[in-house]
C-alpha cells in the first residue's frame, strides 16, 4: 500500500511544501507563536536593536510634498513593475539561463549524462556548484532589490519609514540563519542523488553479471532527468520564499502611499 503523503499547512512556504511533498523533510508540526519563536532566536544585542526600531525616541518626520521629494523616487506601480522584472529574470536564469542584457551570470546545468567510470563520492559536485551559484545569484539580486524598495519607503510616510527600518533590522538579524537553512536544501538533493545513483550502479552491475548487452542496461536519464527538474523546481520555490519580504514591503507601499493629485 502506498503511504499517503503528509499534509502540509496551507500557509507554509512553497519551498517547504515542495520538500515535504517530495519526502525530503518531515511535515512541519503546528507552528509555535511567531513572537515567542523569534524571541528564542534573538541575542541580547539584536533584541535591543529591534526594540529601538519598534520604539523610536523621536517621531519620524512628515513626508515631503511630492514636488520636493528627491529625484529618483518611484510610484508603487513602477516599483512593482521593476520587482516583477527582477523576478522574471531570476526565474529565466533558473529555468533556461540568464536572459541577455540582464546583468546576471549564466549558470548552466551540468550535462545530462555522467561520465564513466562514475565516482559516487564526487558525481554530485557539478550539481552542488550549480545549485550554490543560483543561490548566490538570488541572494545578491534580492538583497539589492529589497534595499531599493526600502529606500523608496524611506521617502514616504512615517509609518512606511518605520516599516523600512524594521525590515532592515529583521534582514540583519535573520540573514545568517536564513543562509544556513537554505544551504541545507542542496544537501537534501545530494542525499536523493546518492541514493538514486547507488540503485543505478547496482542495476548496472546486475545487468553485467547476467551477461546483458550495454543497450539493455538501465538508462541514467530515467532517474537523473526528473532529479534535475526537481532541483530547478526547488530553486524556483526558494526564489518565491526569498521574495516574500519584498512583496510585503510592496503591498504596504501600495496600501499606505497617499494618493497624490
C-alpha atoms as a PDB file:
ATOM      1  CA  UNK A   1       0.000   0.000   0.000  1.00  0.00           C
ATOM      2  CA  UNK A   2       1.301   3.436  -0.898  1.00  0.00           C
ATOM      3  CA  UNK A   3       1.842   5.610   2.127  1.00  0.00           C
ATOM      4  CA  UNK A   4      -0.188   8.821   1.927  1.00  0.00           C
ATOM      5  CA  UNK A   5       1.901  11.948   1.682  1.00  0.00           C
ATOM      6  CA  UNK A   6       1.949  14.019   4.857  1.00  0.00           C
ATOM      7  CA  UNK A   7      -0.334  17.019   4.938  1.00  0.00           C
ATOM      8  CA  UNK A   8       1.200  20.443   4.946  1.00  0.00           C
ATOM      9  CA  UNK A   9      -0.226  23.700   6.177  1.00  0.00           C
ATOM     10  CA  UNK A  10      -1.779  25.994   3.608  1.00  0.00           C
ATOM     11  CA  UNK A  11       0.251  28.902   4.949  1.00  0.00           C
ATOM     12  CA  UNK A  12       3.583  27.105   4.663  1.00  0.00           C
ATOM     13  CA  UNK A  13       6.073  28.362   2.133  1.00  0.00           C
ATOM     14  CA  UNK A  14       6.177  27.000  -1.395  1.00  0.00           C
ATOM     15  CA  UNK A  15       9.659  25.620  -0.685  1.00  0.00           C
ATOM     16  CA  UNK A  16       8.520  23.823   2.481  1.00  0.00           C
ATOM     17  CA  UNK A  17       5.577  22.307   0.630  1.00  0.00           C
ATOM     18  CA  UNK A  18       7.856  21.089  -2.177  1.00  0.00           C
ATOM     19  CA  UNK A  19      10.331  19.482   0.215  1.00  0.00           C
ATOM     20  CA  UNK A  20       7.547  17.874   2.254  1.00  0.00           C
ATOM     21  CA  UNK A  21       5.597  16.563  -0.716  1.00  0.00           C
ATOM     22  CA  UNK A  22       8.778  15.013  -2.131  1.00  0.00           C
ATOM     23  CA  UNK A  23       9.565  13.345   1.221  1.00  0.00           C
ATOM     24  CA  UNK A  24      12.791  15.319   1.602  1.00  0.00           C
ATOM     25  CA  UNK A  25      11.756  16.636   5.022  1.00  0.00           C
ATOM     26  CA  UNK A  26       9.087  15.621   7.506  1.00  0.00           C
ATOM     27  CA  UNK A  27       5.836  17.529   7.666  1.00  0.00           C
ATOM     28  CA  UNK A  28       6.229  20.539   9.922  1.00  0.00           C
ATOM     29  CA  UNK A  29       4.298  20.483  13.224  1.00  0.00           C
ATOM     30  CA  UNK A  30       1.836  23.220  14.085  1.00  0.00           C
ATOM     31  CA  UNK A  31       3.893  26.380  14.308  1.00  0.00           C
ATOM     32  CA  UNK A  32       4.665  27.944  17.659  1.00  0.00           C
ATOM     33  CA  UNK A  33       3.764  31.534  18.411  1.00  0.00           C
ATOM     34  CA  UNK A  34       5.804  33.624  15.972  1.00  0.00           C
ATOM     35  CA  UNK A  35       6.752  36.210  18.575  1.00  0.00           C
ATOM     36  CA  UNK A  36       7.968  33.571  21.009  1.00  0.00           C
ATOM     37  CA  UNK A  37       9.939  31.773  18.314  1.00  0.00           C
ATOM     38  CA  UNK A  38      11.583  34.998  17.191  1.00  0.00           C
ATOM     39  CA  UNK A  39      12.442  35.792  20.798  1.00  0.00           C
ATOM     40  CA  UNK A  40      14.261  32.480  21.063  1.00  0.00           C
ATOM     41  CA  UNK A  41      16.405  33.375  18.031  1.00  0.00           C
ATOM     42  CA  UNK A  42      17.448  36.855  19.167  1.00  0.00           C
ATOM     43  CA  UNK A  43      20.553  37.526  21.184  1.00  0.00           C
ATOM     44  CA  UNK A  44      20.766  40.422  23.626  1.00  0.00           C
ATOM     45  CA  UNK A  45      22.175  42.967  21.169  1.00  0.00           C
ATOM     46  CA  UNK A  46      19.683  42.057  18.464  1.00  0.00           C
ATOM     47  CA  UNK A  47      16.793  42.406  20.901  1.00  0.00           C
ATOM     48  CA  UNK A  48      17.963  45.898  21.904  1.00  0.00           C
ATOM     49  CA  UNK A  49      18.332  46.942  18.255  1.00  0.00           C
ATOM     50  CA  UNK A  50      14.863  45.642  17.403  1.00  0.00           C
ATOM     51  CA  UNK A  51      13.347  47.369  20.438  1.00  0.00           C
ATOM     52  CA  UNK A  52      14.896  50.646  19.293  1.00  0.00           C
ATOM     53  CA  UNK A  53      13.264  50.328  15.869  1.00  0.00           C
ATOM     54  CA  UNK A  54       9.863  49.471  17.328  1.00  0.00           C
ATOM     55  CA  UNK A  55      10.036  52.246  19.925  1.00  0.00           C
ATOM     56  CA  UNK A  56      11.747  55.259  18.360  1.00  0.00           C
ATOM     57  CA  UNK A  57      12.544  58.070  20.779  1.00  0.00           C
ATOM     58  CA  UNK A  58      11.521  60.748  18.310  1.00  0.00           C
ATOM     59  CA  UNK A  59       8.593  60.569  15.874  1.00  0.00           C
ATOM     60  CA  UNK A  60       9.534  60.298  12.228  1.00  0.00           C
ATOM     61  CA  UNK A  61       9.438  63.431  10.143  1.00  0.00           C
ATOM     62  CA  UNK A  62       6.389  64.049   7.998  1.00  0.00           C
ATOM     63  CA  UNK A  63       6.747  63.016   4.356  1.00  0.00           C
ATOM     64  CA  UNK A  64       7.861  65.666   1.919  1.00  0.00           C
ATOM     65  CA  UNK A  65       5.394  67.050  -0.589  1.00  0.00           C
ATOM     66  CA  UNK A  66       5.637  65.382  -3.969  1.00  0.00           C
ATOM     67  CA  UNK A  67       7.306  68.354  -5.679  1.00  0.00           C
ATOM     68  CA  UNK A  68      10.054  68.491  -3.018  1.00  0.00           C
ATOM     69  CA  UNK A  69      10.962  64.801  -2.971  1.00  0.00           C
ATOM     70  CA  UNK A  70      14.313  63.704  -4.283  1.00  0.00           C
ATOM     71  CA  UNK A  71      14.640  62.809  -7.917  1.00  0.00           C
ATOM     72  CA  UNK A  72      14.563  59.079  -8.430  1.00  0.00           C
ATOM     73  CA  UNK A  73      11.521  58.281  -6.318  1.00  0.00           C
ATOM     74  CA  UNK A  74       9.160  55.766  -7.904  1.00  0.00           C
ATOM     75  CA  UNK A  75       5.455  55.179  -7.682  1.00  0.00           C
ATOM     76  CA  UNK A  76       4.215  51.957  -6.120  1.00  0.00           C
ATOM     77  CA  UNK A  77       3.172  50.722  -9.576  1.00  0.00           C
ATOM     78  CA  UNK A  78       6.585  51.459 -11.127  1.00  0.00           C
ATOM     79  CA  UNK A  79       8.398  49.819  -8.235  1.00  0.00           C
ATOM     80  CA  UNK A  80       6.225  46.728  -8.557  1.00  0.00           C
ATOM     81  CA  UNK A  81       6.952  46.509 -12.277  1.00  0.00           C
ATOM     82  CA  UNK A  82      10.669  46.714 -11.529  1.00  0.00           C
ATOM     83  CA  UNK A  83      10.413  43.964  -8.901  1.00  0.00           C
ATOM     84  CA  UNK A  84       8.456  41.810 -11.362  1.00  0.00           C
ATOM     85  CA  UNK A  85      11.227  42.288 -13.925  1.00  0.00           C
ATOM     86  CA  UNK A  86      13.909  41.193 -11.445  1.00  0.00           C
ATOM     87  CA  UNK A  87      11.841  38.155 -10.522  1.00  0.00           C
ATOM     88  CA  UNK A  88      11.244  37.185 -14.166  1.00  0.00           C
ATOM     89  CA  UNK A  89      14.976  37.439 -14.923  1.00  0.00           C
ATOM     90  CA  UNK A  90      15.865  35.186 -11.990  1.00  0.00           C
ATOM     91  CA  UNK A  91      13.152  32.706 -12.971  1.00  0.00           C
ATOM     92  CA  UNK A  92      14.500  32.548 -16.515  1.00  0.00           C
ATOM     93  CA  UNK A  93      18.044  32.167 -15.204  1.00  0.00           C
ATOM     94  CA  UNK A  94      16.978  29.106 -13.207  1.00  0.00           C
ATOM     95  CA  UNK A  95      14.826  27.581 -15.931  1.00  0.00           C
ATOM     96  CA  UNK A  96      16.967  28.082 -19.024  1.00  0.00           C
ATOM     97  CA  UNK A  97      19.808  30.508 -18.406  1.00  0.00           C
ATOM     98  CA  UNK A  98      20.068  34.218 -17.695  1.00  0.00           C
ATOM     99  CA  UNK A  99      18.408  36.442 -20.312  1.00  0.00           C
ATOM    100  CA  UNK A 100      20.732  38.664 -22.400  1.00  0.00           C
ATOM    101  CA  UNK A 101      21.150  42.145 -21.000  1.00  0.00           C
ATOM    102  CA  UNK A 102      20.023  41.187 -17.505  1.00  0.00           C
ATOM    103  CA  UNK A 103      23.478  41.509 -15.982  1.00  0.00           C
ATOM    104  CA  UNK A 104      23.138  38.043 -14.485  1.00  0.00           C
ATOM    105  CA  UNK A 105      25.889  35.478 -14.959  1.00  0.00           C
ATOM    106  CA  UNK A 106      24.861  32.421 -16.946  1.00  0.00           C
ATOM    107  CA  UNK A 107      24.779  29.286 -14.772  1.00  0.00           C
ATOM    108  CA  UNK A 108      24.438  26.135 -16.844  1.00  0.00           C
ATOM    109  CA  UNK A 109      23.027  22.850 -15.606  1.00  0.00           C
ATOM    110  CA  UNK A 110      25.652  20.047 -15.799  1.00  0.00           C
ATOM    111  CA  UNK A 111      25.365  17.595 -18.726  1.00  0.00           C
ATOM    112  CA  UNK A 112      22.528  15.079 -18.526  1.00  0.00           C
ATOM    113  CA  UNK A 113      24.955  12.168 -18.613  1.00  0.00           C
ATOM    114  CA  UNK A 114      27.610  11.363 -16.016  1.00  0.00           C
ATOM    115  CA  UNK A 115      30.952  10.356 -17.495  1.00  0.00           C
ATOM    116  CA  UNK A 116      32.072   6.778 -16.998  1.00  0.00           C
ATOM    117  CA  UNK A 117      33.526   5.432 -14.815  1.00  0.00           C
ATOM    118  CA  UNK A 118      31.226   7.046 -12.261  1.00  0.00           C
ATOM    119  CA  UNK A 119      32.791   8.067  -8.962  1.00  0.00           C
ATOM    120  CA  UNK A 120      29.891   8.161  -6.464  1.00  0.00           C
ATOM    121  CA  UNK A 121      31.701  10.423  -3.991  1.00  0.00           C
ATOM    122  CA  UNK A 122      32.179  13.255  -6.486  1.00  0.00           C
ATOM    123  CA  UNK A 123      29.361  12.712  -9.016  1.00  0.00           C
ATOM    124  CA  UNK A 124      27.091  15.287  -7.371  1.00  0.00           C
ATOM    125  CA  UNK A 125      29.729  18.029  -7.202  1.00  0.00           C
ATOM    126  CA  UNK A 126      28.781  19.757 -10.528  1.00  0.00           C
ATOM    127  CA  UNK A 127      25.168  19.881  -9.346  1.00  0.00           C
ATOM    128  CA  UNK A 128      26.201  21.256  -5.956  1.00  0.00           C
ATOM    129  CA  UNK A 129      28.088  24.070  -7.712  1.00  0.00           C
ATOM    130  CA  UNK A 130      25.103  24.734  -9.989  1.00  0.00           C
ATOM    131  CA  UNK A 131      22.738  24.962  -7.035  1.00  0.00           C
ATOM    132  CA  UNK A 132      25.047  27.099  -4.894  1.00  0.00           C
ATOM    133  CA  UNK A 133      25.700  29.514  -7.788  1.00  0.00           C
ATOM    134  CA  UNK A 134      21.972  30.089  -8.270  1.00  0.00           C
ATOM    135  CA  UNK A 135      21.518  30.618  -4.541  1.00  0.00           C
ATOM    136  CA  UNK A 136      24.267  33.251  -4.536  1.00  0.00           C
ATOM    137  CA  UNK A 137      22.736  34.916  -7.594  1.00  0.00           C
ATOM    138  CA  UNK A 138      19.322  35.068  -5.943  1.00  0.00           C
ATOM    139  CA  UNK A 139      20.754  36.316  -2.660  1.00  0.00           C
ATOM    140  CA  UNK A 140      22.705  39.144  -4.292  1.00  0.00           C
ATOM    141  CA  UNK A 141      19.886  40.259  -6.615  1.00  0.00           C
ATOM    142  CA  UNK A 142      17.165  40.151  -3.967  1.00  0.00           C
ATOM    143  CA  UNK A 143      19.262  41.880  -1.312  1.00  0.00           C
ATOM    144  CA  UNK A 144      19.773  44.742  -3.766  1.00  0.00           C
ATOM    145  CA  UNK A 145      16.082  44.815  -4.721  1.00  0.00           C
ATOM    146  CA  UNK A 146      14.981  44.719  -1.081  1.00  0.00           C
ATOM    147  CA  UNK A 147      17.297  47.608  -0.234  1.00  0.00           C
ATOM    148  CA  UNK A 148      15.955  49.625  -3.181  1.00  0.00           C
ATOM    149  CA  UNK A 149      12.359  49.039  -2.095  1.00  0.00           C
ATOM    150  CA  UNK A 150      13.211  50.104   1.460  1.00  0.00           C
ATOM    151  CA  UNK A 151      14.832  53.235   0.059  1.00  0.00           C
ATOM    152  CA  UNK A 152      11.577  54.174  -1.637  1.00  0.00           C
ATOM    153  CA  UNK A 153       9.561  53.529   1.529  1.00  0.00           C
ATOM    154  CA  UNK A 154      12.000  55.689   3.498  1.00  0.00           C
ATOM    155  CA  UNK A 155      10.953  58.676   1.389  1.00  0.00           C
ATOM    156  CA  UNK A 156       7.282  58.160   2.112  1.00  0.00           C
ATOM    157  CA  UNK A 157       5.024  58.395   5.179  1.00  0.00           C
ATOM    158  CA  UNK A 158       6.283  57.971   8.791  1.00  0.00           C
ATOM    159  CA  UNK A 159       4.628  54.548   9.038  1.00  0.00           C
ATOM    160  CA  UNK A 160       6.379  53.334   5.882  1.00  0.00           C
ATOM    161  CA  UNK A 161       9.666  54.804   7.075  1.00  0.00           C
ATOM    162  CA  UNK A 162       9.365  52.770  10.261  1.00  0.00           C
ATOM    163  CA  UNK A 163       8.458  49.666   8.256  1.00  0.00           C
ATOM    164  CA  UNK A 164      11.598  50.118   6.135  1.00  0.00           C
ATOM    165  CA  UNK A 165      13.719  50.423   9.275  1.00  0.00           C
ATOM    166  CA  UNK A 166      12.054  47.353  10.770  1.00  0.00           C
ATOM    167  CA  UNK A 167      12.664  45.321   7.614  1.00  0.00           C
ATOM    168  CA  UNK A 168      16.340  46.338   7.595  1.00  0.00           C
ATOM    169  CA  UNK A 169      16.642  45.218  11.226  1.00  0.00           C
ATOM    170  CA  UNK A 170      14.982  41.872  10.519  1.00  0.00           C
ATOM    171  CA  UNK A 171      17.190  41.278   7.474  1.00  0.00           C
ATOM    172  CA  UNK A 172      20.278  41.937   9.579  1.00  0.00           C
ATOM    173  CA  UNK A 173      19.045  39.634  12.355  1.00  0.00           C
ATOM    174  CA  UNK A 174      17.767  36.743  10.241  1.00  0.00           C
ATOM    175  CA  UNK A 175      20.025  36.702   7.161  1.00  0.00           C
ATOM    176  CA  UNK A 176      22.636  34.414   8.699  1.00  0.00           C
ATOM    177  CA  UNK A 177      20.004  31.946   9.920  1.00  0.00           C
ATOM    178  CA  UNK A 178      18.303  32.040   6.501  1.00  0.00           C
ATOM    179  CA  UNK A 179      21.580  31.266   4.717  1.00  0.00           C
ATOM    180  CA  UNK A 180      22.229  28.259   6.960  1.00  0.00           C
ATOM    181  CA  UNK A 181      18.741  26.821   6.490  1.00  0.00           C
ATOM    182  CA  UNK A 182      18.646  27.334   2.715  1.00  0.00           C
ATOM    183  CA  UNK A 183      22.140  25.907   2.436  1.00  0.00           C
ATOM    184  CA  UNK A 184      20.790  22.595   3.720  1.00  0.00           C
ATOM    185  CA  UNK A 185      18.464  22.172   0.721  1.00  0.00           C
ATOM    186  CA  UNK A 186      21.355  21.279  -1.568  1.00  0.00           C
ATOM    187  CA  UNK A 187      22.382  18.553   0.899  1.00  0.00           C
ATOM    188  CA  UNK A 188      18.854  17.112   0.699  1.00  0.00           C
ATOM    189  CA  UNK A 189      19.179  16.919  -3.089  1.00  0.00           C
ATOM    190  CA  UNK A 190      22.589  15.330  -2.711  1.00  0.00           C
ATOM    191  CA  UNK A 191      21.151  12.651  -0.443  1.00  0.00           C
ATOM    192  CA  UNK A 192      18.471  11.767  -3.002  1.00  0.00           C
ATOM    193  CA  UNK A 193      21.046  11.823  -5.794  1.00  0.00           C
ATOM    194  CA  UNK A 194      23.350   9.439  -3.914  1.00  0.00           C
ATOM    195  CA  UNK A 195      20.507   7.008  -3.255  1.00  0.00           C
ATOM    196  CA  UNK A 196      19.379   7.028  -6.901  1.00  0.00           C
ATOM    197  CA  UNK A 197      22.934   6.659  -8.177  1.00  0.00           C
ATOM    198  CA  UNK A 198      23.536   3.716  -5.857  1.00  0.00           C
ATOM    199  CA  UNK A 199      20.468   1.963  -7.250  1.00  0.00           C
ATOM    200  CA  UNK A 200      21.563   2.751 -10.805  1.00  0.00           C
ATOM    201  CA  UNK A 201      25.020   1.290 -10.277  1.00  0.00           C
ATOM    202  CA  UNK A 202      23.521  -1.774  -8.609  1.00  0.00           C
ATOM    203  CA  UNK A 203      21.213  -2.441 -11.569  1.00  0.00           C
ATOM    204  CA  UNK A 204      24.087  -1.823 -13.961  1.00  0.00           C
ATOM    205  CA  UNK A 205      26.215  -4.404 -12.143  1.00  0.00           C
ATOM    206  CA  UNK A 206      23.341  -6.902 -12.112  1.00  0.00           C
ATOM    207  CA  UNK A 207      22.884  -6.469 -15.870  1.00  0.00           C
ATOM    208  CA  UNK A 208      26.607  -7.037 -16.416  1.00  0.00           C
ATOM    209  CA  UNK A 209      26.594 -10.156 -14.245  1.00  0.00           C
ATOM    210  CA  UNK A 210      23.678 -11.510 -16.239  1.00  0.00           C
ATOM    211  CA  UNK A 211      25.643 -11.003 -19.458  1.00  0.00           C
ATOM    212  CA  UNK A 212      23.227  -8.366 -20.755  1.00  0.00           C
ATOM    213  CA  UNK A 213      24.339  -6.069 -23.547  1.00  0.00           C
ATOM    214  CA  UNK A 214      25.092  -2.435 -22.785  1.00  0.00           C
ATOM    215  CA  UNK A 215      21.925  -1.345 -24.576  1.00  0.00           C
ATOM    216  CA  UNK A 216      19.796  -3.269 -22.087  1.00  0.00           C
ATOM    217  CA  UNK A 217      21.368  -1.643 -19.025  1.00  0.00           C
ATOM    218  CA  UNK A 218      19.128   0.825 -17.176  1.00  0.00           C
ATOM    219  CA  UNK A 219      19.181   4.319 -18.685  1.00  0.00           C
ATOM    220  CA  UNK A 220      20.624   7.034 -16.469  1.00  0.00           C
ATOM    221  CA  UNK A 221      18.079   9.571 -17.663  1.00  0.00           C
ATOM    222  CA  UNK A 222      15.222   7.614 -16.099  1.00  0.00           C
ATOM    223  CA  UNK A 223      16.188   8.933 -12.671  1.00  0.00           C
ATOM    224  CA  UNK A 224      18.614  11.769 -13.444  1.00  0.00           C
ATOM    225  CA  UNK A 225      16.324  13.910 -15.625  1.00  0.00           C
ATOM    226  CA  UNK A 226      13.492  14.093 -13.040  1.00  0.00           C
ATOM    227  CA  UNK A 227      16.064  14.906 -10.372  1.00  0.00           C
ATOM    228  CA  UNK A 228      17.475  17.753 -12.453  1.00  0.00           C
ATOM    229  CA  UNK A 229      13.971  19.152 -12.890  1.00  0.00           C
ATOM    230  CA  UNK A 230      13.347  18.793  -9.145  1.00  0.00           C
ATOM    231  CA  UNK A 231      16.397  20.947  -8.457  1.00  0.00           C
ATOM    232  CA  UNK A 232      15.071  23.673 -10.732  1.00  0.00           C
ATOM    233  CA  UNK A 233      11.644  23.442  -9.108  1.00  0.00           C
ATOM    234  CA  UNK A 234      13.204  23.755  -5.663  1.00  0.00           C
ATOM    235  CA  UNK A 235      15.212  26.797  -6.763  1.00  0.00           C
ATOM    236  CA  UNK A 236      12.063  28.471  -8.095  1.00  0.00           C
ATOM    237  CA  UNK A 237      10.327  27.724  -4.790  1.00  0.00           C
ATOM    238  CA  UNK A 238      13.308  29.178  -2.931  1.00  0.00           C
ATOM    239  CA  UNK A 239      13.097  32.297  -5.095  1.00  0.00           C
ATOM    240  CA  UNK A 240       9.466  32.658  -4.033  1.00  0.00           C
ATOM    241  CA  UNK A 241      10.479  32.336  -0.369  1.00  0.00           C
ATOM    242  CA  UNK A 242      13.304  34.858  -0.657  1.00  0.00           C
ATOM    243  CA  UNK A 243      10.979  37.385  -2.310  1.00  0.00           C
ATOM    244  CA  UNK A 244       8.338  37.322   0.437  1.00  0.00           C
ATOM    245  CA  UNK A 245       9.770  40.291   2.393  1.00  0.00           C
ATOM    246  CA  UNK A 246       9.971  42.361  -0.809  1.00  0.00           C
ATOM    247  CA  UNK A 247       6.372  41.532  -1.700  1.00  0.00           C
ATOM    248  CA  UNK A 248       5.269  42.509   1.799  1.00  0.00           C
ATOM    249  CA  UNK A 249       7.004  45.871   1.509  1.00  0.00           C
ATOM    250  CA  UNK A 250       5.427  46.474  -1.897  1.00  0.00           C
ATOM    251  CA  UNK A 251       1.975  45.608  -0.596  1.00  0.00           C
ATOM    252  CA  UNK A 252       2.402  48.103   2.236  1.00  0.00           C
ATOM    253  CA  UNK A 253       3.664  50.713  -0.241  1.00  0.00           C
ATOM    254  CA  UNK A 254       0.558  50.229  -2.386  1.00  0.00           C
ATOM    255  CA  UNK A 255      -1.781  50.320   0.602  1.00  0.00           C
ATOM    256  CA  UNK A 256      -0.381  53.229   2.590  1.00  0.00           C
ATOM    257  CA  UNK A 257       1.066  55.604  -0.008  1.00  0.00           C
ATOM    258  CA  UNK A 258      -1.157  58.696  -0.103  1.00  0.00           C
ATOM    259  CA  UNK A 259      -2.833  59.297  -3.439  1.00  0.00           C
ATOM    260  CA  UNK A 260      -1.341  62.404  -4.982  1.00  0.00           C
ATOM    261  CA  UNK A 261      -3.383  64.799  -7.034  1.00  0.00           C
END
